[in-house]
Amino acid sequence: MIVTALRSSLRSGMKRAATTQSYRSASSGPGLSPNFLSTWYSTFGKSNAAYISWIVAGVLVAEGITGFGINTVWASVNKGRTFDTVDWSKFVVEDDDEDEEDEEEEEEEEEEEDDE
């Protein structure tokens, strides 16, 4: 008798839990409309190839977004420290003309020595 009572209470408890669980999942979904989910499933979810294509496209888009974001942050942190962002006008040497003149004079002297 006790065993029968336990079984019936266990069964009714399991039925209640199953009913409550299905009710909860139906009422507290991901926040997307059932029409949208149905359309998504009919487009991408029915075949493995379409689903894998969806995943690959999502990975590529996510990689592009995170790569752009990380590069932007890195460039802003290292501004003025990379080859592209250094202000090269600060490093202009004005003695270049004198160096070229000295080199020309040395070349002329070498040519004169060779001629002799």
N, C-alpha and C. Protein backbone atom coordinates (compact mmCIF):
# COMPACT_ATOMS: atom_id res chain seq x y z
N MET A 1 0.81 -1.18 0.00
CA MET A 1 0.00 0.00 0.00
C MET A 1 0.86 1.26 0.00
N ILE A 2 1.87 1.29 0.82
CA ILE A 2 2.77 2.44 0.89
C ILE A 2 3.52 2.59 -0.44
N VAL A 3 3.92 1.45 -0.99
CA VAL A 3 4.66 1.48 -2.26
C VAL A 3 3.77 2.05 -3.37
N THR A 4 2.51 1.66 -3.36
CA THR A 4 1.58 2.15 -4.38
C THR A 4 1.36 3.65 -4.22
N ALA A 5 1.25 4.10 -3.01
CA ALA A 5 1.06 5.54 -2.75
C ALA A 5 2.28 6.33 -3.18
N LEU A 6 3.47 5.80 -2.91
CA LEU A 6 4.70 6.47 -3.33
C LEU A 6 4.79 6.54 -4.85
N ARG A 7 4.44 5.44 -5.51
CA ARG A 7 4.49 5.42 -6.96
C ARG A 7 3.54 6.45 -7.57
N SER A 8 2.31 6.49 -7.04
CA SER A 8 1.33 7.43 -7.61
C SER A 8 1.74 8.87 -7.33
N SER A 9 2.29 9.16 -6.17
CA SER A 9 2.73 10.53 -5.89
C SER A 9 3.95 10.88 -6.73
N LEU A 10 4.83 9.91 -6.95
CA LEU A 10 6.00 10.14 -7.80
C LEU A 10 5.56 10.42 -9.23
N ARG A 11 4.60 9.65 -9.73
CA ARG A 11 4.10 9.86 -11.09
C ARG A 11 3.43 11.22 -11.23
N SER A 12 2.61 11.59 -10.27
CA SER A 12 1.92 12.89 -10.37
C SER A 12 2.93 14.03 -10.25
N GLY A 13 3.96 13.84 -9.43
CA GLY A 13 5.01 14.86 -9.32
C GLY A 13 5.79 15.00 -10.61
N MET A 14 6.07 13.88 -11.27
CA MET A 14 6.80 13.92 -12.54
C MET A 14 5.94 14.58 -13.63
N LYS A 15 4.65 14.28 -13.63
CA LYS A 15 3.76 14.90 -14.61
C LYS A 15 3.71 16.41 -14.41
N ARG A 16 3.61 16.82 -13.15
CA ARG A 16 3.58 18.24 -12.84
C ARG A 16 4.88 18.93 -13.25
N ALA A 17 6.00 18.28 -13.00
CA ALA A 17 7.30 18.85 -13.36
C ALA A 17 7.45 18.95 -14.87
N ALA A 18 6.99 17.94 -15.59
CA ALA A 18 7.06 17.97 -17.05
C ALA A 18 6.17 19.07 -17.61
N THR A 19 4.97 19.21 -17.06
CA THR A 19 4.05 20.25 -17.52
C THR A 19 4.61 21.62 -17.21
N THR A 20 5.14 21.81 -16.03
CA THR A 20 5.70 23.09 -15.62
C THR A 20 6.93 23.42 -16.46
N GLN A 21 7.75 22.41 -16.72
CA GLN A 21 8.96 22.63 -17.49
C GLN A 21 8.63 23.05 -18.91
N SER A 22 7.67 22.38 -19.56
CA SER A 22 7.31 22.75 -20.92
C SER A 22 6.66 24.14 -20.94
N TYR A 23 5.90 24.46 -19.91
CA TYR A 23 5.28 25.77 -19.83
C TYR A 23 6.34 26.85 -19.68
N ARG A 24 7.34 26.61 -18.86
CA ARG A 24 8.41 27.58 -18.64
C ARG A 24 9.21 27.82 -19.91
N SER A 25 9.57 26.75 -20.60
CA SER A 25 10.38 26.94 -21.80
C SER A 25 9.59 27.66 -22.89
N ALA A 26 8.28 27.48 -22.92
CA ALA A 26 7.48 28.15 -23.94
C ALA A 26 7.31 29.63 -23.61
N SER A 27 7.27 29.97 -22.34
CA SER A 27 7.02 31.36 -21.97
C SER A 27 8.29 32.17 -21.81
N SER A 28 9.40 31.52 -21.54
CA SER A 28 10.63 32.28 -21.31
C SER A 28 11.69 31.87 -22.34
N GLY A 29 11.41 32.15 -23.59
CA GLY A 29 12.32 31.80 -24.68
C GLY A 29 13.45 32.81 -24.79
N PRO A 30 14.18 32.73 -25.89
CA PRO A 30 15.34 33.60 -26.05
C PRO A 30 14.98 35.04 -26.39
N GLY A 31 13.71 35.36 -26.50
CA GLY A 31 13.31 36.72 -26.80
C GLY A 31 13.14 36.96 -28.29
N LEU A 32 13.18 35.90 -29.08
CA LEU A 32 12.99 36.01 -30.52
C LEU A 32 11.61 35.49 -30.88
N SER A 33 11.01 36.07 -31.88
CA SER A 33 9.66 35.66 -32.25
C SER A 33 9.67 34.26 -32.85
N PRO A 34 8.61 33.51 -32.65
CA PRO A 34 8.54 32.17 -33.24
C PRO A 34 8.61 32.20 -34.77
N ASN A 35 8.09 33.23 -35.39
CA ASN A 35 8.17 33.34 -36.85
C ASN A 35 9.62 33.46 -37.31
N PHE A 36 10.38 34.27 -36.61
CA PHE A 36 11.80 34.43 -36.95
C PHE A 36 12.54 33.12 -36.79
N LEU A 37 12.30 32.43 -35.68
CA LEU A 37 12.97 31.15 -35.44
C LEU A 37 12.57 30.11 -36.48
N SER A 38 11.30 30.10 -36.87
CA SER A 38 10.85 29.16 -37.88
C SER A 38 11.51 29.45 -39.23
N THR A 39 11.60 30.71 -39.58
CA THR A 39 12.26 31.10 -40.83
C THR A 39 13.74 30.75 -40.80
N TRP A 40 14.38 31.03 -39.68
CA TRP A 40 15.81 30.70 -39.55
C TRP A 40 16.02 29.20 -39.69
N TYR A 41 15.17 28.43 -39.03
CA TYR A 41 15.32 26.97 -39.10
C TYR A 41 15.09 26.45 -40.51
N SER A 42 14.09 26.98 -41.19
CA SER A 42 13.81 26.49 -42.55
C SER A 42 14.93 26.90 -43.51
N THR A 43 15.64 27.99 -43.19
CA THR A 43 16.73 28.44 -44.07
C THR A 43 18.04 27.75 -43.72
N PHE A 44 18.42 27.73 -42.45
CA PHE A 44 19.75 27.26 -42.05
C PHE A 44 19.75 25.96 -41.25
N GLY A 45 18.69 25.64 -40.57
CA GLY A 45 18.73 24.54 -39.63
C GLY A 45 18.39 23.17 -40.18
N LYS A 46 17.79 23.11 -41.35
CA LYS A 46 17.33 21.81 -41.85
C LYS A 46 18.44 20.94 -42.41
N SER A 47 19.50 21.53 -42.95
CA SER A 47 20.58 20.71 -43.50
C SER A 47 21.90 21.04 -42.81
N ASN A 48 22.75 20.05 -42.75
CA ASN A 48 24.06 20.26 -42.12
C ASN A 48 24.90 21.28 -42.88
N ALA A 49 24.84 21.24 -44.21
CA ALA A 49 25.63 22.17 -45.01
C ALA A 49 25.22 23.62 -44.74
N ALA A 50 23.92 23.87 -44.67
CA ALA A 50 23.45 25.23 -44.40
C ALA A 50 23.82 25.67 -42.98
N TYR A 51 23.71 24.76 -42.03
CA TYR A 51 24.05 25.09 -40.65
C TYR A 51 25.54 25.37 -40.50
N ILE A 52 26.38 24.57 -41.13
CA ILE A 52 27.82 24.79 -41.07
C ILE A 52 28.18 26.09 -41.77
N SER A 53 27.50 26.40 -42.88
CA SER A 53 27.72 27.68 -43.56
C SER A 53 27.37 28.84 -42.64
N TRP A 54 26.28 28.70 -41.90
CA TRP A 54 25.87 29.73 -40.94
C TRP A 54 26.95 29.93 -39.88
N ILE A 55 27.49 28.84 -39.37
CA ILE A 55 28.53 28.93 -38.33
C ILE A 55 29.79 29.56 -38.89
N VAL A 56 30.22 29.12 -40.08
CA VAL A 56 31.44 29.68 -40.68
C VAL A 56 31.26 31.18 -40.95
N ALA A 57 30.12 31.57 -41.49
CA ALA A 57 29.87 32.99 -41.73
C ALA A 57 29.87 33.78 -40.42
N GLY A 58 29.28 33.22 -39.38
CA GLY A 58 29.28 33.89 -38.08
C GLY A 58 30.67 34.04 -37.51
N VAL A 59 31.49 33.02 -37.67
CA VAL A 59 32.87 33.09 -37.18
C VAL A 59 33.65 34.15 -37.94
N LEU A 60 33.48 34.19 -39.26
CA LEU A 60 34.21 35.18 -40.06
C LEU A 60 33.78 36.61 -39.71
N VAL A 61 32.50 36.82 -39.53
CA VAL A 61 32.01 38.16 -39.16
C VAL A 61 32.52 38.54 -37.77
N ALA A 62 32.44 37.61 -36.83
CA ALA A 62 32.93 37.89 -35.47
C ALA A 62 34.43 38.17 -35.48
N GLU A 63 35.19 37.42 -36.27
CA GLU A 63 36.63 37.64 -36.37
C GLU A 63 36.93 39.02 -36.95
N GLY A 64 36.18 39.41 -37.97
CA GLY A 64 36.38 40.74 -38.56
C GLY A 64 36.10 41.85 -37.57
N ILE A 65 35.03 41.71 -36.81
CA ILE A 65 34.67 42.74 -35.84
C ILE A 65 35.69 42.81 -34.72
N THR A 66 36.06 41.66 -34.16
CA THR A 66 37.03 41.69 -33.06
C THR A 66 38.41 42.11 -33.55
N GLY A 67 38.80 41.69 -34.75
CA GLY A 67 40.09 42.11 -35.30
C GLY A 67 40.15 43.61 -35.49
N PHE A 68 39.09 44.19 -36.05
CA PHE A 68 39.04 45.64 -36.23
C PHE A 68 39.10 46.35 -34.89
N GLY A 69 38.35 45.86 -33.92
CA GLY A 69 38.34 46.49 -32.60
C GLY A 69 39.70 46.43 -31.92
N ILE A 70 40.34 45.28 -31.97
CA ILE A 70 41.64 45.12 -31.32
C ILE A 70 42.69 45.97 -32.02
N ASN A 71 42.68 46.00 -33.36
CA ASN A 71 43.63 46.84 -34.09
C ASN A 71 43.43 48.32 -33.80
N THR A 72 42.18 48.73 -33.66
CA THR A 72 41.90 50.13 -33.34
C THR A 72 42.42 50.49 -31.95
N VAL A 73 42.17 49.64 -30.99
CA VAL A 73 42.67 49.89 -29.63
C VAL A 73 44.19 49.90 -29.62
N TRP A 74 44.82 48.94 -30.29
CA TRP A 74 46.28 48.85 -30.32
C TRP A 74 46.88 50.09 -30.97
N ALA A 75 46.29 50.53 -32.07
CA ALA A 75 46.80 51.71 -32.77
C ALA A 75 46.65 52.97 -31.91
N SER A 76 45.56 53.07 -31.16
CA SER A 76 45.38 54.26 -30.33
C SER A 76 46.34 54.26 -29.14
N VAL A 77 46.64 53.08 -28.62
CA VAL A 77 47.57 53.01 -27.49
C VAL A 77 49.00 53.29 -27.95
N ASN A 78 49.36 52.85 -29.15
CA ASN A 78 50.72 52.99 -29.65
C ASN A 78 50.88 54.13 -30.65
N LYS A 79 50.01 55.11 -30.61
CA LYS A 79 50.10 56.22 -31.55
C LYS A 79 51.41 56.98 -31.33
N GLY A 80 52.12 57.21 -32.42
CA GLY A 80 53.40 57.91 -32.34
C GLY A 80 54.58 56.98 -32.11
N ARG A 81 54.33 55.71 -31.95
CA ARG A 81 55.40 54.75 -31.69
C ARG A 81 55.62 53.79 -32.85
N THR A 82 54.74 53.82 -33.83
CA THR A 82 54.88 52.91 -34.97
C THR A 82 55.38 53.68 -36.18
N PHE A 83 55.84 52.95 -37.19
CA PHE A 83 56.42 53.56 -38.38
C PHE A 83 55.41 54.48 -39.07
N ASP A 84 54.17 54.06 -39.12
CA ASP A 84 53.15 54.84 -39.82
C ASP A 84 52.75 56.11 -39.08
N THR A 85 52.87 56.12 -37.77
CA THR A 85 52.36 57.26 -37.00
C THR A 85 53.45 58.19 -36.48
N VAL A 86 54.70 57.90 -36.77
CA VAL A 86 55.78 58.78 -36.30
C VAL A 86 55.80 60.03 -37.17
N ASP A 87 56.01 61.18 -36.55
CA ASP A 87 56.14 62.44 -37.28
C ASP A 87 57.59 62.56 -37.75
N TRP A 88 57.84 62.18 -39.00
CA TRP A 88 59.20 62.11 -39.52
C TRP A 88 59.79 63.48 -39.79
N SER A 89 58.97 64.53 -39.77
CA SER A 89 59.51 65.88 -39.99
C SER A 89 60.40 66.31 -38.83
N LYS A 90 60.27 65.69 -37.70
CA LYS A 90 61.13 66.03 -36.55
C LYS A 90 62.55 65.50 -36.72
N PHE A 91 62.74 64.56 -37.65
CA PHE A 91 64.03 63.91 -37.81
C PHE A 91 64.78 64.37 -39.06
N VAL A 92 64.32 65.45 -39.68
CA VAL A 92 64.98 65.93 -40.89
C VAL A 92 66.32 66.54 -40.50
N VAL A 93 67.35 66.13 -41.20
CA VAL A 93 68.69 66.66 -40.95
C VAL A 93 68.98 67.69 -42.04
N GLU A 94 69.40 68.88 -41.64
CA GLU A 94 69.61 69.95 -42.59
C GLU A 94 71.02 69.95 -43.17
N ASP A 95 71.89 69.08 -42.73
CA ASP A 95 73.27 69.04 -43.19
C ASP A 95 73.45 68.15 -44.40
N ASP A 96 72.39 67.69 -45.01
CA ASP A 96 72.50 66.77 -46.15
C ASP A 96 73.25 67.39 -47.31
N ASP A 97 73.05 68.68 -47.56
CA ASP A 97 73.72 69.34 -48.68
C ASP A 97 75.23 69.34 -48.48
N GLU A 98 75.68 69.61 -47.28
CA GLU A 98 77.12 69.63 -46.99
C GLU A 98 77.74 68.25 -47.18
N ASP A 99 77.01 67.22 -46.76
CA ASP A 99 77.52 65.86 -46.92
C ASP A 99 77.66 65.51 -48.39
N GLU A 100 76.68 65.92 -49.20
CA GLU A 100 76.75 65.63 -50.63
C GLU A 100 77.90 66.38 -51.28
N GLU A 101 78.13 67.61 -50.85
CA GLU A 101 79.24 68.38 -51.41
C GLU A 101 80.57 67.73 -51.05
N ASP A 102 80.69 67.27 -49.81
CA ASP A 102 81.92 66.61 -49.39
C ASP A 102 82.16 65.35 -50.21
N GLU A 103 81.12 64.61 -50.47
CA GLU A 103 81.25 63.39 -51.25
C GLU A 103 81.66 63.71 -52.69
N GLU A 104 81.08 64.77 -53.26
CA GLU A 104 81.44 65.17 -54.62
C GLU A 104 82.91 65.59 -54.70
N GLU A 105 83.36 66.32 -53.69
CA GLU A 105 84.75 66.76 -53.68
C GLU A 105 85.69 65.57 -53.58
N GLU A 106 85.35 64.61 -52.76
CA GLU A 106 86.18 63.41 -52.63
C GLU A 106 86.23 62.64 -53.94
N GLU A 107 85.10 62.54 -54.62
CA GLU A 107 85.07 61.86 -55.91
C GLU A 107 85.94 62.58 -56.94
N GLU A 108 85.87 63.90 -56.95
CA GLU A 108 86.69 64.67 -57.88
C GLU A 108 88.17 64.47 -57.60
N GLU A 109 88.54 64.44 -56.34
CA GLU A 109 89.94 64.23 -55.98
C GLU A 109 90.41 62.85 -56.41
N GLU A 110 89.57 61.85 -56.26
CA GLU A 110 89.91 60.52 -56.68
C GLU A 110 90.10 60.45 -58.19
N GLU A 111 89.23 61.15 -58.95
CA GLU A 111 89.35 61.17 -60.39
C GLU A 111 90.65 61.85 -60.83
N GLU A 112 91.00 62.91 -60.13
CA GLU A 112 92.23 63.61 -60.47
C GLU A 112 93.45 62.73 -60.22
N GLU A 113 93.41 61.98 -59.13
CA GLU A 113 94.51 61.08 -58.81
C GLU A 113 94.62 59.96 -59.84
N ASP A 114 93.46 59.48 -60.30
CA ASP A 114 93.46 58.44 -61.31
C ASP A 114 94.01 58.96 -62.65
N ASP A 115 93.76 60.21 -62.97
CA ASP A 115 94.21 60.81 -64.21
C ASP A 115 95.74 60.96 -64.21
N GLU A 116 96.33 61.15 -63.10
CA GLU A 116 97.77 61.40 -63.02
C GLU A 116 98.50 60.15 -63.14
